C-alpha cells in the first residue's frame, strides 16, 4: 500500500467517474478490494517478498 497508494486512488477515481456513465463500473470496487487483499496477504509475505514456490 505504501508504494501503490496512487494506483489505488486512481482505481477509485475512475470507478466513481465511470459509475456516473454506467452503473456497470460499480463492479470495479469489489474487484479492487479483492485484488488488494490478494496481493497484500496471499502473494507477498510481511516483508514484501514474493511467496512463490
PDB file of N, CA and C in Angstrom:
ATOM      1  N   UNK A   1       0.823  -1.192   0.000  1.00  0.00           N
ATOM      2  CA  UNK A   1       0.000   0.000   0.000  1.00  0.00           C
ATOM      3  C   UNK A   1       0.868   1.257   0.000  1.00  0.00           C
ATOM      4  N   UNK A   2       2.037   1.159   0.624  1.00  0.00           N
ATOM      5  CA  UNK A   2       2.906   2.329   0.706  1.00  0.00           C
ATOM      6  C   UNK A   2       3.378   2.795  -0.663  1.00  0.00           C
ATOM      7  N   UNK A   3       3.640   1.856  -1.545  1.00  0.00           N
ATOM      8  CA  UNK A   3       4.190   2.202  -2.855  1.00  0.00           C
ATOM      9  C   UNK A   3       3.126   2.324  -3.937  1.00  0.00           C
ATOM     10  N   UNK A   4       1.956   1.780  -3.718  1.00  0.00           N
ATOM     11  CA  UNK A   4       0.933   1.778  -4.770  1.00  0.00           C
ATOM     12  C   UNK A   4      -0.315   2.575  -4.393  1.00  0.00           C
ATOM     13  N   UNK A   5      -0.215   3.471  -3.407  1.00  0.00           N
ATOM     14  CA  UNK A   5      -1.379   4.238  -2.984  1.00  0.00           C
ATOM     15  C   UNK A   5      -1.969   5.040  -4.137  1.00  0.00           C
ATOM     16  N   UNK A   6      -1.106   5.539  -5.016  1.00  0.00           N
ATOM     17  CA  UNK A   6      -1.580   6.356  -6.126  1.00  0.00           C
ATOM     18  C   UNK A   6      -2.375   5.515  -7.130  1.00  0.00           C
ATOM     19  N   UNK A   7      -1.997   4.255  -7.273  1.00  0.00           N
ATOM     20  CA  UNK A   7      -2.712   3.382  -8.191  1.00  0.00           C
ATOM     21  C   UNK A   7      -4.098   3.046  -7.649  1.00  0.00           C
ATOM     22  N   UNK A   8      -4.194   2.790  -6.341  1.00  0.00           N
ATOM     23  CA  UNK A   8      -5.499   2.514  -5.737  1.00  0.00           C
ATOM     24  C   UNK A   8      -6.388   3.743  -5.799  1.00  0.00           C
ATOM     25  N   UNK A   9      -5.813   4.909  -5.600  1.00  0.00           N
ATOM     26  CA  UNK A   9      -6.573   6.150  -5.702  1.00  0.00           C
ATOM     27  C   UNK A   9      -7.086   6.350  -7.121  1.00  0.00           C
ATOM     28  N   UNK A  10      -6.262   6.027  -8.088  1.00  0.00           N
ATOM     29  CA  UNK A  10      -6.658   6.124  -9.490  1.00  0.00           C
ATOM     30  C   UNK A  10      -7.817   5.178  -9.805  1.00  0.00           C
ATOM     31  N   UNK A  11      -7.767   3.940  -9.300  1.00  0.00           N
ATOM     32  CA  UNK A  11      -8.871   2.997  -9.486  1.00  0.00           C
ATOM     33  C   UNK A  11     -10.163   3.538  -8.902  1.00  0.00           C
ATOM     34  N   UNK A  12     -10.089   4.123  -7.716  1.00  0.00           N
ATOM     35  CA  UNK A  12     -11.291   4.655  -7.065  1.00  0.00           C
ATOM     36  C   UNK A  12     -11.853   5.832  -7.854  1.00  0.00           C
ATOM     37  N   UNK A  13     -10.987   6.734  -8.295  1.00  0.00           N
ATOM     38  CA  UNK A  13     -11.447   7.899  -9.051  1.00  0.00           C
ATOM     39  C   UNK A  13     -12.095   7.473 -10.361  1.00  0.00           C
ATOM     40  N   UNK A  14     -11.458   6.571 -11.090  1.00  0.00           N
ATOM     41  CA  UNK A  14     -12.043   6.104 -12.352  1.00  0.00           C
ATOM     42  C   UNK A  14     -13.321   5.301 -12.115  1.00  0.00           C
ATOM     43  N   UNK A  15     -13.380   4.560 -11.022  1.00  0.00           N
ATOM     44  CA  UNK A  15     -14.603   3.825 -10.698  1.00  0.00           C
ATOM     45  C   UNK A  15     -15.762   4.757 -10.404  1.00  0.00           C
ATOM     46  N   UNK A  16     -15.497   5.815  -9.649  1.00  0.00           N
ATOM     47  CA  UNK A  16     -16.553   6.788  -9.343  1.00  0.00           C
ATOM     48  C   UNK A  16     -16.964   7.549 -10.607  1.00  0.00           C
ATOM     49  N   UNK A  17     -15.976   7.994 -11.372  1.00  0.00           N
ATOM     50  CA  UNK A  17     -16.283   8.718 -12.607  1.00  0.00           C
ATOM     51  C   UNK A  17     -17.033   7.826 -13.591  1.00  0.00           C
ATOM     52  N   UNK A  18     -16.617   6.592 -13.716  1.00  0.00           N
ATOM     53  CA  UNK A  18     -17.294   5.671 -14.634  1.00  0.00           C
ATOM     54  C   UNK A  18     -18.688   5.317 -14.188  1.00  0.00           C
ATOM     55  N   UNK A  19     -18.930   5.291 -12.871  1.00  0.00           N
ATOM     56  CA  UNK A  19     -20.256   4.928 -12.387  1.00  0.00           C
ATOM     57  C   UNK A  19     -21.288   5.999 -12.715  1.00  0.00           C
ATOM     58  N   UNK A  20     -20.845   7.227 -12.984  1.00  0.00           N
ATOM     59  CA  UNK A  20     -21.781   8.248 -13.443  1.00  0.00           C
ATOM     60  C   UNK A  20     -22.217   7.983 -14.875  1.00  0.00           C
ATOM     61  N   UNK A  21     -21.352   7.327 -15.637  1.00  0.00           N
ATOM     62  CA  UNK A  21     -21.683   6.990 -17.019  1.00  0.00           C
ATOM     63  C   UNK A  21     -22.525   5.724 -17.106  1.00  0.00           C
ATOM     64  N   UNK A  22     -22.153   4.729 -16.328  1.00  0.00           N
ATOM     65  CA  UNK A  22     -22.867   3.456 -16.352  1.00  0.00           C
ATOM     66  C   UNK A  22     -22.675   2.762 -15.002  1.00  0.00           C
ATOM     67  N   UNK A  23     -23.739   2.189 -14.445  1.00  0.00           N
ATOM     68  CA  UNK A  23     -23.611   1.502 -13.162  1.00  0.00           C
ATOM     69  C   UNK A  23     -22.716   0.263 -13.224  1.00  0.00           C
ATOM     70  N   UNK A  24     -22.381  -0.192 -14.406  1.00  0.00           N
ATOM     71  CA  UNK A  24     -21.509  -1.362 -14.555  1.00  0.00           C
ATOM     72  C   UNK A  24     -20.143  -1.100 -13.919  1.00  0.00           C
ATOM     73  N   UNK A  25     -19.708   0.148 -13.909  1.00  0.00           N
ATOM     74  CA  UNK A  25     -18.401   0.483 -13.344  1.00  0.00           C
ATOM     75  C   UNK A  25     -18.355   0.313 -11.832  1.00  0.00           C
ATOM     76  N   UNK A  26     -19.490   0.178 -11.185  1.00  0.00           N
ATOM     77  CA  UNK A  26     -19.506  -0.054  -9.742  1.00  0.00           C
ATOM     78  C   UNK A  26     -18.894  -1.399  -9.381  1.00  0.00           C
ATOM     79  N   UNK A  27     -18.816  -2.297 -10.340  1.00  0.00           N
ATOM     80  CA  UNK A  27     -18.215  -3.610 -10.097  1.00  0.00           C
ATOM     81  C   UNK A  27     -16.701  -3.488  -9.897  1.00  0.00           C
ATOM     82  N   UNK A  28     -16.117  -2.352 -10.269  1.00  0.00           N
ATOM     83  CA  UNK A  28     -14.674  -2.184 -10.076  1.00  0.00           C
ATOM     84  C   UNK A  28     -14.300  -2.134  -8.598  1.00  0.00           C
ATOM     85  N   UNK A  29     -15.207  -1.707  -7.729  1.00  0.00           N
ATOM     86  CA  UNK A  29     -14.872  -1.604  -6.312  1.00  0.00           C
ATOM     87  C   UNK A  29     -14.665  -2.969  -5.656  1.00  0.00           C
ATOM     88  N   UNK A  30     -15.558  -3.936  -5.828  1.00  0.00           N
ATOM     89  CA  UNK A  30     -15.263  -5.260  -5.270  1.00  0.00           C
ATOM     90  C   UNK A  30     -14.022  -5.903  -5.897  1.00  0.00           C
ATOM     91  N   UNK A  31     -13.801  -5.663  -7.175  1.00  0.00           N
ATOM     92  CA  UNK A  31     -12.621  -6.207  -7.839  1.00  0.00           C
ATOM     93  C   UNK A  31     -11.353  -5.612  -7.230  1.00  0.00           C
ATOM     94  N   UNK A  32     -11.348  -4.312  -6.983  1.00  0.00           N
ATOM     95  CA  UNK A  32     -10.178  -3.649  -6.380  1.00  0.00           C
ATOM     96  C   UNK A  32      -9.931  -4.151  -4.966  1.00  0.00           C
ATOM     97  N   UNK A  33     -10.989  -4.339  -4.203  1.00  0.00           N
ATOM     98  CA  UNK A  33     -10.834  -4.827  -2.832  1.00  0.00           C
ATOM     99  C   UNK A  33     -10.248  -6.234  -2.832  1.00  0.00           C
ATOM    100  N   UNK A  34     -10.784  -7.105  -3.682  1.00  0.00           N
ATOM    101  CA  UNK A  34     -10.264  -8.471  -3.778  1.00  0.00           C
ATOM    102  C   UNK A  34      -8.798  -8.457  -4.208  1.00  0.00           C
ATOM    103  N   UNK A  35      -8.473  -7.658  -5.212  1.00  0.00           N
ATOM    104  CA  UNK A  35      -7.104  -7.584  -5.711  1.00  0.00           C
ATOM    105  C   UNK A  35      -6.149  -7.090  -4.639  1.00  0.00           C
ATOM    106  N   UNK A  36      -6.564  -6.082  -3.879  1.00  0.00           N
ATOM    107  CA  UNK A  36      -5.718  -5.553  -2.810  1.00  0.00           C
ATOM    108  C   UNK A  36      -5.381  -6.645  -1.800  1.00  0.00           C
ATOM    109  N   UNK A  37      -6.399  -7.371  -1.327  1.00  0.00           N
ATOM    110  CA  UNK A  37      -6.146  -8.406  -0.329  1.00  0.00           C
ATOM    111  C   UNK A  37      -5.382  -9.588  -0.904  1.00  0.00           C
ATOM    112  N   UNK A  38      -5.592  -9.886  -2.171  1.00  0.00           N
ATOM    113  CA  UNK A  38      -4.847 -10.969  -2.810  1.00  0.00           C
ATOM    114  C   UNK A  38      -3.351 -10.668  -2.786  1.00  0.00           C
ATOM    115  N   UNK A  39      -2.964  -9.486  -3.220  1.00  0.00           N
ATOM    116  CA  UNK A  39      -1.548  -9.138  -3.258  1.00  0.00           C
ATOM    117  C   UNK A  39      -0.993  -8.836  -1.876  1.00  0.00           C
ATOM    118  N   UNK A  40      -1.812  -8.274  -0.996  1.00  0.00           N
ATOM    119  CA  UNK A  40      -1.307  -7.881   0.321  1.00  0.00           C
ATOM    120  C   UNK A  40      -1.081  -9.079   1.236  1.00  0.00           C
ATOM    121  N   UNK A  41      -1.942 -10.081   1.169  1.00  0.00           N
ATOM    122  CA  UNK A  41      -1.866 -11.165   2.153  1.00  0.00           C
ATOM    123  C   UNK A  41      -1.580 -12.547   1.585  1.00  0.00           C
ATOM    124  N   UNK A  42      -1.820 -12.754   0.322  1.00  0.00           N
ATOM    125  CA  UNK A  42      -1.648 -14.091  -0.236  1.00  0.00           C
ATOM    126  C   UNK A  42      -0.377 -14.189  -1.083  1.00  0.00           C
ATOM    127  N   UNK A  43      -0.102 -13.188  -1.902  1.00  0.00           N
ATOM    128  CA  UNK A  43       1.026 -13.264  -2.826  1.00  0.00           C
ATOM    129  C   UNK A  43       2.357 -12.833  -2.215  1.00  0.00           C
ATOM    130  N   UNK A  44       2.324 -11.987  -1.168  1.00  0.00           N
ATOM    131  CA  UNK A  44       3.553 -11.462  -0.590  1.00  0.00           C
ATOM    132  C   UNK A  44       3.563 -11.680   0.915  1.00  0.00           C
ATOM    133  N   UNK A  45       4.766 -11.840   1.493  1.00  0.00           N
ATOM    134  CA  UNK A  45       4.884 -12.028   2.934  1.00  0.00           C
ATOM    135  C   UNK A  45       4.924 -10.679   3.657  1.00  0.00           C
ATOM    136  N   UNK A  46       5.192 -10.703   4.960  1.00  0.00           N
ATOM    137  CA  UNK A  46       5.191  -9.496   5.779  1.00  0.00           C
ATOM    138  C   UNK A  46       6.284  -8.495   5.384  1.00  0.00           C
ATOM    139  N   UNK A  47       7.339  -8.999   4.780  1.00  0.00           N
ATOM    140  CA  UNK A  47       8.455  -8.132   4.378  1.00  0.00           C
ATOM    141  C   UNK A  47       8.329  -7.646   2.938  1.00  0.00           C
ATOM    142  N   UNK A  48       7.260  -8.039   2.243  1.00  0.00           N
ATOM    143  CA  UNK A  48       7.058  -7.619   0.867  1.00  0.00           C
ATOM    144  C   UNK A  48       7.714  -8.513  -0.157  1.00  0.00           C
ATOM    145  N   UNK A  49       8.186  -9.679   0.281  1.00  0.00           N
ATOM    146  CA  UNK A  49       8.820 -10.620  -0.645  1.00  0.00           C
ATOM    147  C   UNK A  49       7.775 -11.544  -1.248  1.00  0.00           C
ATOM    148  N   UNK A  50       7.984 -11.899  -2.514  1.00  0.00           N
ATOM    149  CA  UNK A  50       7.069 -12.795  -3.219  1.00  0.00           C
ATOM    150  C   UNK A  50       7.069 -14.170  -2.569  1.00  0.00           C
ATOM    151  N   UNK A  51       5.881 -14.748  -2.391  1.00  0.00           N
ATOM    152  CA  UNK A  51       5.756 -16.064  -1.763  1.00  0.00           C
ATOM    153  C   UNK A  51       5.778 -17.213  -2.765  1.00  0.00           C
ATOM    154  N   UNK A  52       6.276 -16.996  -3.943  1.00  0.00           N
ATOM    155  CA  UNK A  52       6.283 -18.040  -4.972  1.00  0.00           C
ATOM    156  C   UNK A  52       6.980 -19.303  -4.541  1.00  0.00           C
ATOM    157  N   UNK A  53       6.743 -20.371  -5.255  1.00  0.00           N
ATOM    158  CA  UNK A  53       7.286 -21.668  -4.885  1.00  0.00           C
ATOM    159  C   UNK A  53       8.743 -21.710  -4.902  1.00  0.00           C
TER     160      UNK A  53
END
